[in-house]
Amino acid sequence: MTARDFAYHRSVAPMMWVFVAIAATELAVVHFLVALWSPWVALALSMATFGSILWLIGVIRSFARLPVRIADEQLLMRVGTLKQVSTPLANIAGLAPSWDAAMLKQRDVINLALIAYPNVVVLLREPVLATRGRKVTKLAHRLDDPAAFADALDALGQGDD
């Protein structure tokens, strides 16, 4: 089976760049006000915030490099270097026909769309381990082409049951 990649950077990255812009604004404004009180505290706070912004930029840049992938009988759902969840294709029950915010907040859901709203929710037959040992049965993400992803799962016989 050849590997199939599904991009998400055009859907997820813009919202994250807005977050970087907000953090940069906070760096300039709030840290200036703190500097009026204590220049040393402002310097330490600015260094920590600047380091966090650089880390966040690195994560955003990894989105294009690390797409969602179907290969070797596995589905690898990831969001850059931040998180990833892998499951065998045989464990996929299908795609959720609809979902709401309450469902996305459930403990058995991992939302890899970060601050964007997901457009794909993969339902699993058996739980898989996600971050910090949490067991999840639903994988939510915001893909650039959700229809192509659904078609790929259908072609592999892993679409809706």
C-alpha atoms as a PDB file:
ATOM      1  CA  MET A   1       0.000   0.000   0.000  1.00  0.00           C
ATOM      2  CA  THR A   2       1.324   3.416  -0.901  1.00  0.00           C
ATOM      3  CA  ALA A   3       1.332   6.135   1.710  1.00  0.00           C
ATOM      4  CA  ARG A   4      -1.367   8.797   1.487  1.00  0.00           C
ATOM      5  CA  ASP A   5      -0.752  12.161   3.111  1.00  0.00           C
ATOM      6  CA  PHE A   6      -3.444  14.641   4.090  1.00  0.00           C
ATOM      7  CA  ALA A   7      -2.427  18.228   4.763  1.00  0.00           C
ATOM      8  CA  TYR A   8      -3.913  20.340   7.525  1.00  0.00           C
ATOM      9  CA  HIS A   9      -1.516  23.293   7.619  1.00  0.00           C
ATOM     10  CA  ARG A  10      -3.707  25.545   5.440  1.00  0.00           C
ATOM     11  CA  SER A  11      -6.619  24.996   7.831  1.00  0.00           C
ATOM     12  CA  VAL A  12      -4.910  25.013  11.225  1.00  0.00           C
ATOM     13  CA  ALA A  13      -1.895  27.303  10.780  1.00  0.00           C
ATOM     14  CA  PRO A  14      -3.765  30.607  10.110  1.00  0.00           C
ATOM     15  CA  MET A  15      -5.474  30.481  13.515  1.00  0.00           C
ATOM     16  CA  MET A  16      -2.152  29.666  15.146  1.00  0.00           C
ATOM     17  CA  TRP A  17      -0.466  32.617  13.387  1.00  0.00           C
ATOM     18  CA  VAL A  18      -3.173  34.864  14.865  1.00  0.00           C
ATOM     19  CA  PHE A  19      -2.248  33.441  18.264  1.00  0.00           C
ATOM     20  CA  VAL A  20       1.429  34.303  17.586  1.00  0.00           C
ATOM     21  CA  ALA A  21       0.422  37.874  16.648  1.00  0.00           C
ATOM     22  CA  ILE A  22      -1.545  38.212  19.889  1.00  0.00           C
ATOM     23  CA  ALA A  23       1.422  36.882  21.875  1.00  0.00           C
ATOM     24  CA  ALA A  24       3.754  39.364  20.138  1.00  0.00           C
ATOM     25  CA  THR A  25       1.368  42.223  20.964  1.00  0.00           C
ATOM     26  CA  GLU A  26       1.256  41.053  24.570  1.00  0.00           C
ATOM     27  CA  LEU A  27       5.057  40.938  24.581  1.00  0.00           C
ATOM     28  CA  ALA A  28       5.238  44.562  23.506  1.00  0.00           C
ATOM     29  CA  VAL A  29       2.445  46.091  25.597  1.00  0.00           C
ATOM     30  CA  VAL A  30       2.307  44.173  28.874  1.00  0.00           C
ATOM     31  CA  HIS A  31       6.043  43.807  29.177  1.00  0.00           C
ATOM     32  CA  PHE A  32       6.468  47.555  28.670  1.00  0.00           C
ATOM     33  CA  LEU A  33       4.109  48.168  31.579  1.00  0.00           C
ATOM     34  CA  VAL A  34       5.959  45.627  33.742  1.00  0.00           C
ATOM     35  CA  ALA A  35       9.238  47.384  32.833  1.00  0.00           C
ATOM     36  CA  LEU A  36       7.903  50.551  34.464  1.00  0.00           C
ATOM     37  CA  TRP A  37       7.638  48.591  37.709  1.00  0.00           C
ATOM     38  CA  SER A  38      10.780  46.416  37.438  1.00  0.00           C
ATOM     39  CA  PRO A  39      13.083  46.260  34.409  1.00  0.00           C
ATOM     40  CA  TRP A  40      14.619  42.945  35.557  1.00  0.00           C
ATOM     41  CA  VAL A  41      11.266  41.208  35.920  1.00  0.00           C
ATOM     42  CA  ALA A  42      10.212  42.600  32.526  1.00  0.00           C
ATOM     43  CA  LEU A  43      13.410  41.280  30.947  1.00  0.00           C
ATOM     44  CA  ALA A  44      12.911  37.793  32.402  1.00  0.00           C
ATOM     45  CA  LEU A  45       9.241  37.796  31.379  1.00  0.00           C
ATOM     46  CA  SER A  46      10.112  39.016  27.892  1.00  0.00           C
ATOM     47  CA  MET A  47      12.749  36.314  27.439  1.00  0.00           C
ATOM     48  CA  ALA A  48      10.283  33.603  28.518  1.00  0.00           C
ATOM     49  CA  THR A  49       7.556  34.938  26.228  1.00  0.00           C
ATOM     50  CA  PHE A  50       9.954  35.357  23.303  1.00  0.00           C
ATOM     51  CA  GLY A  51      11.180  31.769  23.776  1.00  0.00           C
ATOM     52  CA  SER A  52       7.583  30.551  23.837  1.00  0.00           C
ATOM     53  CA  ILE A  53       6.814  32.447  20.632  1.00  0.00           C
ATOM     54  CA  LEU A  54       9.856  30.898  18.915  1.00  0.00           C
ATOM     55  CA  TRP A  55       8.765  27.425  20.069  1.00  0.00           C
ATOM     56  CA  LEU A  56       5.235  28.060  18.768  1.00  0.00           C
ATOM     57  CA  ILE A  57       6.575  29.213  15.390  1.00  0.00           C
ATOM     58  CA  GLY A  58       8.576  25.969  15.173  1.00  0.00           C
ATOM     59  CA  VAL A  59       5.441  23.924  15.892  1.00  0.00           C
ATOM     60  CA  ILE A  60       3.439  25.822  13.247  1.00  0.00           C
ATOM     61  CA  ARG A  61       6.189  25.332  10.663  1.00  0.00           C
ATOM     62  CA  SER A  62       6.147  21.581  11.370  1.00  0.00           C
ATOM     63  CA  PHE A  63       2.488  21.313  10.280  1.00  0.00           C
ATOM     64  CA  ALA A  64       3.372  21.219   6.565  1.00  0.00           C
ATOM     65  CA  ARG A  65       6.269  18.814   7.149  1.00  0.00           C
ATOM     66  CA  LEU A  66       4.267  16.286   9.190  1.00  0.00           C
ATOM     67  CA  PRO A  67       0.874  15.618   7.561  1.00  0.00           C
ATOM     68  CA  VAL A  68      -1.787  13.129   8.604  1.00  0.00           C
ATOM     69  CA  ARG A  69      -0.757   9.845   6.975  1.00  0.00           C
ATOM     70  CA  ILE A  70      -2.295   6.545   5.997  1.00  0.00           C
ATOM     71  CA  ALA A  71       0.468   3.991   5.432  1.00  0.00           C
ATOM     72  CA  ASP A  72       1.419   0.451   6.400  1.00  0.00           C
ATOM     73  CA  GLU A  73      -2.114  -0.383   7.589  1.00  0.00           C
ATOM     74  CA  GLN A  74      -1.929   2.519  10.089  1.00  0.00           C
ATOM     75  CA  LEU A  75      -3.598   5.892  10.405  1.00  0.00           C
ATOM     76  CA  LEU A  76      -1.232   8.457  11.911  1.00  0.00           C
ATOM     77  CA  MET A  77      -3.106  11.558  13.017  1.00  0.00           C
ATOM     78  CA  ARG A  78      -0.757  14.327  14.070  1.00  0.00           C
ATOM     79  CA  VAL A  79      -0.476  18.024  14.528  1.00  0.00           C
ATOM     80  CA  GLY A  80       3.123  18.884  13.773  1.00  0.00           C
ATOM     81  CA  THR A  81       5.592  17.994  16.473  1.00  0.00           C
ATOM     82  CA  LEU A  82       3.010  18.743  19.171  1.00  0.00           C
ATOM     83  CA  LYS A  83       0.860  15.585  19.243  1.00  0.00           C
ATOM     84  CA  GLN A  84       0.268  12.390  17.325  1.00  0.00           C
ATOM     85  CA  VAL A  85      -1.990   9.370  17.639  1.00  0.00           C
ATOM     86  CA  SER A  86      -1.615   6.173  15.639  1.00  0.00           C
ATOM     87  CA  THR A  87      -4.169   3.423  15.156  1.00  0.00           C
ATOM     88  CA  PRO A  88      -4.440   0.382  12.887  1.00  0.00           C
ATOM     89  CA  LEU A  89      -6.815   0.894   9.972  1.00  0.00           C
ATOM     90  CA  ALA A  90      -8.766  -2.151  11.165  1.00  0.00           C
ATOM     91  CA  ASN A  91      -9.593  -0.217  14.351  1.00  0.00           C
ATOM     92  CA  ILE A  92     -11.407   2.528  12.428  1.00  0.00           C
ATOM     93  CA  ALA A  93     -15.192   2.219  12.729  1.00  0.00           C
ATOM     94  CA  GLY A  94     -15.812   5.149  10.378  1.00  0.00           C
ATOM     95  CA  LEU A  95     -16.277   8.904  10.356  1.00  0.00           C
ATOM     96  CA  ALA A  96     -18.754  10.658  12.604  1.00  0.00           C
ATOM     97  CA  PRO A  97     -21.583  12.115  10.504  1.00  0.00           C
ATOM     98  CA  SER A  98     -21.875  15.106  12.869  1.00  0.00           C
ATOM     99  CA  TRP A  99     -20.549  16.416  16.169  1.00  0.00           C
ATOM    100  CA  ASP A 100     -20.976  19.340  18.495  1.00  0.00           C
ATOM    101  CA  ALA A 101     -18.808  21.229  20.954  1.00  0.00           C
ATOM    102  CA  ALA A 102     -20.019  19.085  23.857  1.00  0.00           C
ATOM    103  CA  MET A 103     -18.870  15.906  22.120  1.00  0.00           C
ATOM    104  CA  LEU A 104     -15.467  17.424  21.358  1.00  0.00           C
ATOM    105  CA  LYS A 105     -14.946  18.127  25.084  1.00  0.00           C
ATOM    106  CA  GLN A 106     -15.505  14.520  26.138  1.00  0.00           C
ATOM    107  CA  ARG A 107     -12.540  12.765  27.733  1.00  0.00           C
ATOM    108  CA  ASP A 108     -12.410  10.054  25.035  1.00  0.00           C
ATOM    109  CA  VAL A 109     -11.910  12.629  22.241  1.00  0.00           C
ATOM    110  CA  ILE A 110      -8.562  14.069  21.199  1.00  0.00           C
ATOM    111  CA  ASN A 111      -8.941  17.275  19.214  1.00  0.00           C
ATOM    112  CA  LEU A 112      -5.895  17.732  16.990  1.00  0.00           C
ATOM    113  CA  ALA A 113      -7.382  20.817  15.330  1.00  0.00           C
ATOM    114  CA  LEU A 114      -6.022  22.888  18.244  1.00  0.00           C
ATOM    115  CA  ILE A 115      -7.854  26.241  18.158  1.00  0.00           C
ATOM    116  CA  ALA A 116      -9.612  25.597  14.826  1.00  0.00           C
ATOM    117  CA  TYR A 117     -12.918  23.709  14.677  1.00  0.00           C
ATOM    118  CA  PRO A 118     -12.491  20.120  13.391  1.00  0.00           C
ATOM    119  CA  ASN A 119     -14.020  19.024  10.097  1.00  0.00           C
ATOM    120  CA  VAL A 120     -13.251  15.289  10.533  1.00  0.00           C
ATOM    121  CA  VAL A 121     -13.938  12.999  13.495  1.00  0.00           C
ATOM    122  CA  VAL A 122     -12.643   9.427  13.191  1.00  0.00           C
ATOM    123  CA  LEU A 123     -14.516   6.877  15.315  1.00  0.00           C
ATOM    124  CA  LEU A 124     -12.496   3.959  16.686  1.00  0.00           C
ATOM    125  CA  ARG A 125     -13.667   0.456  17.569  1.00  0.00           C
ATOM    126  CA  GLU A 126     -11.219   0.100  20.465  1.00  0.00           C
ATOM    127  CA  PRO A 127      -9.545   2.879  22.487  1.00  0.00           C
ATOM    128  CA  VAL A 128      -5.957   3.871  21.695  1.00  0.00           C
ATOM    129  CA  LEU A 129      -3.474   5.615  23.942  1.00  0.00           C
ATOM    130  CA  ALA A 130      -2.991   9.314  23.342  1.00  0.00           C
ATOM    131  CA  THR A 131      -0.990  11.877  25.263  1.00  0.00           C
ATOM    132  CA  ARG A 132      -0.284  11.162  28.920  1.00  0.00           C
ATOM    133  CA  GLY A 133      -1.750   7.675  28.689  1.00  0.00           C
ATOM    134  CA  ARG A 134      -5.287   8.914  28.026  1.00  0.00           C
ATOM    135  CA  LYS A 135      -7.490   6.417  26.165  1.00  0.00           C
ATOM    136  CA  VAL A 136      -9.387   7.919  23.245  1.00  0.00           C
ATOM    137  CA  THR A 137     -12.057   6.529  20.924  1.00  0.00           C
ATOM    138  CA  LYS A 138     -12.501   9.595  18.696  1.00  0.00           C
ATOM    139  CA  LEU A 139      -9.853  11.506  16.757  1.00  0.00           C
ATOM    140  CA  ALA A 140     -10.885  15.010  15.676  1.00  0.00           C
ATOM    141  CA  HIS A 141      -8.881  17.105  13.212  1.00  0.00           C
ATOM    142  CA  ARG A 142      -9.233  19.918  10.686  1.00  0.00           C
ATOM    143  CA  LEU A 143      -7.911  18.703   7.347  1.00  0.00           C
ATOM    144  CA  ASP A 144      -7.439  20.806   4.226  1.00  0.00           C
ATOM    145  CA  ASP A 145      -9.365  18.245   2.130  1.00  0.00           C
ATOM    146  CA  PRO A 146     -11.712  16.227   4.358  1.00  0.00           C
ATOM    147  CA  ALA A 147     -13.511  14.737   1.350  1.00  0.00           C
ATOM    148  CA  ALA A 148     -10.292  13.171   0.039  1.00  0.00           C
ATOM    149  CA  PHE A 149      -9.628  11.736   3.498  1.00  0.00           C
ATOM    150  CA  ALA A 150     -13.126  10.230   3.645  1.00  0.00           C
ATOM    151  CA  ASP A 151     -12.689   8.811   0.138  1.00  0.00           C
ATOM    152  CA  ALA A 152      -9.355   7.243   1.113  1.00  0.00           C
ATOM    153  CA  LEU A 153     -10.913   5.562   4.146  1.00  0.00           C
ATOM    154  CA  ASP A 154     -13.840   4.343   2.016  1.00  0.00           C
ATOM    155  CA  ALA A 155     -11.447   2.954  -0.593  1.00  0.00           C
ATOM    156  CA  LEU A 156      -9.660   1.002   2.132  1.00  0.00           C
ATOM    157  CA  GLY A 157     -12.951  -0.313   3.457  1.00  0.00           C
ATOM    158  CA  GLN A 158     -12.657   1.768   6.642  1.00  0.00           C
ATOM    159  CA  GLY A 159     -15.457   4.219   5.961  1.00  0.00           C
ATOM    160  CA  ASP A 160     -18.795   4.351   7.703  1.00  0.00           C
ATOM    161  CA  ASP A 161     -20.126   0.951   8.733  1.00  0.00           C
END
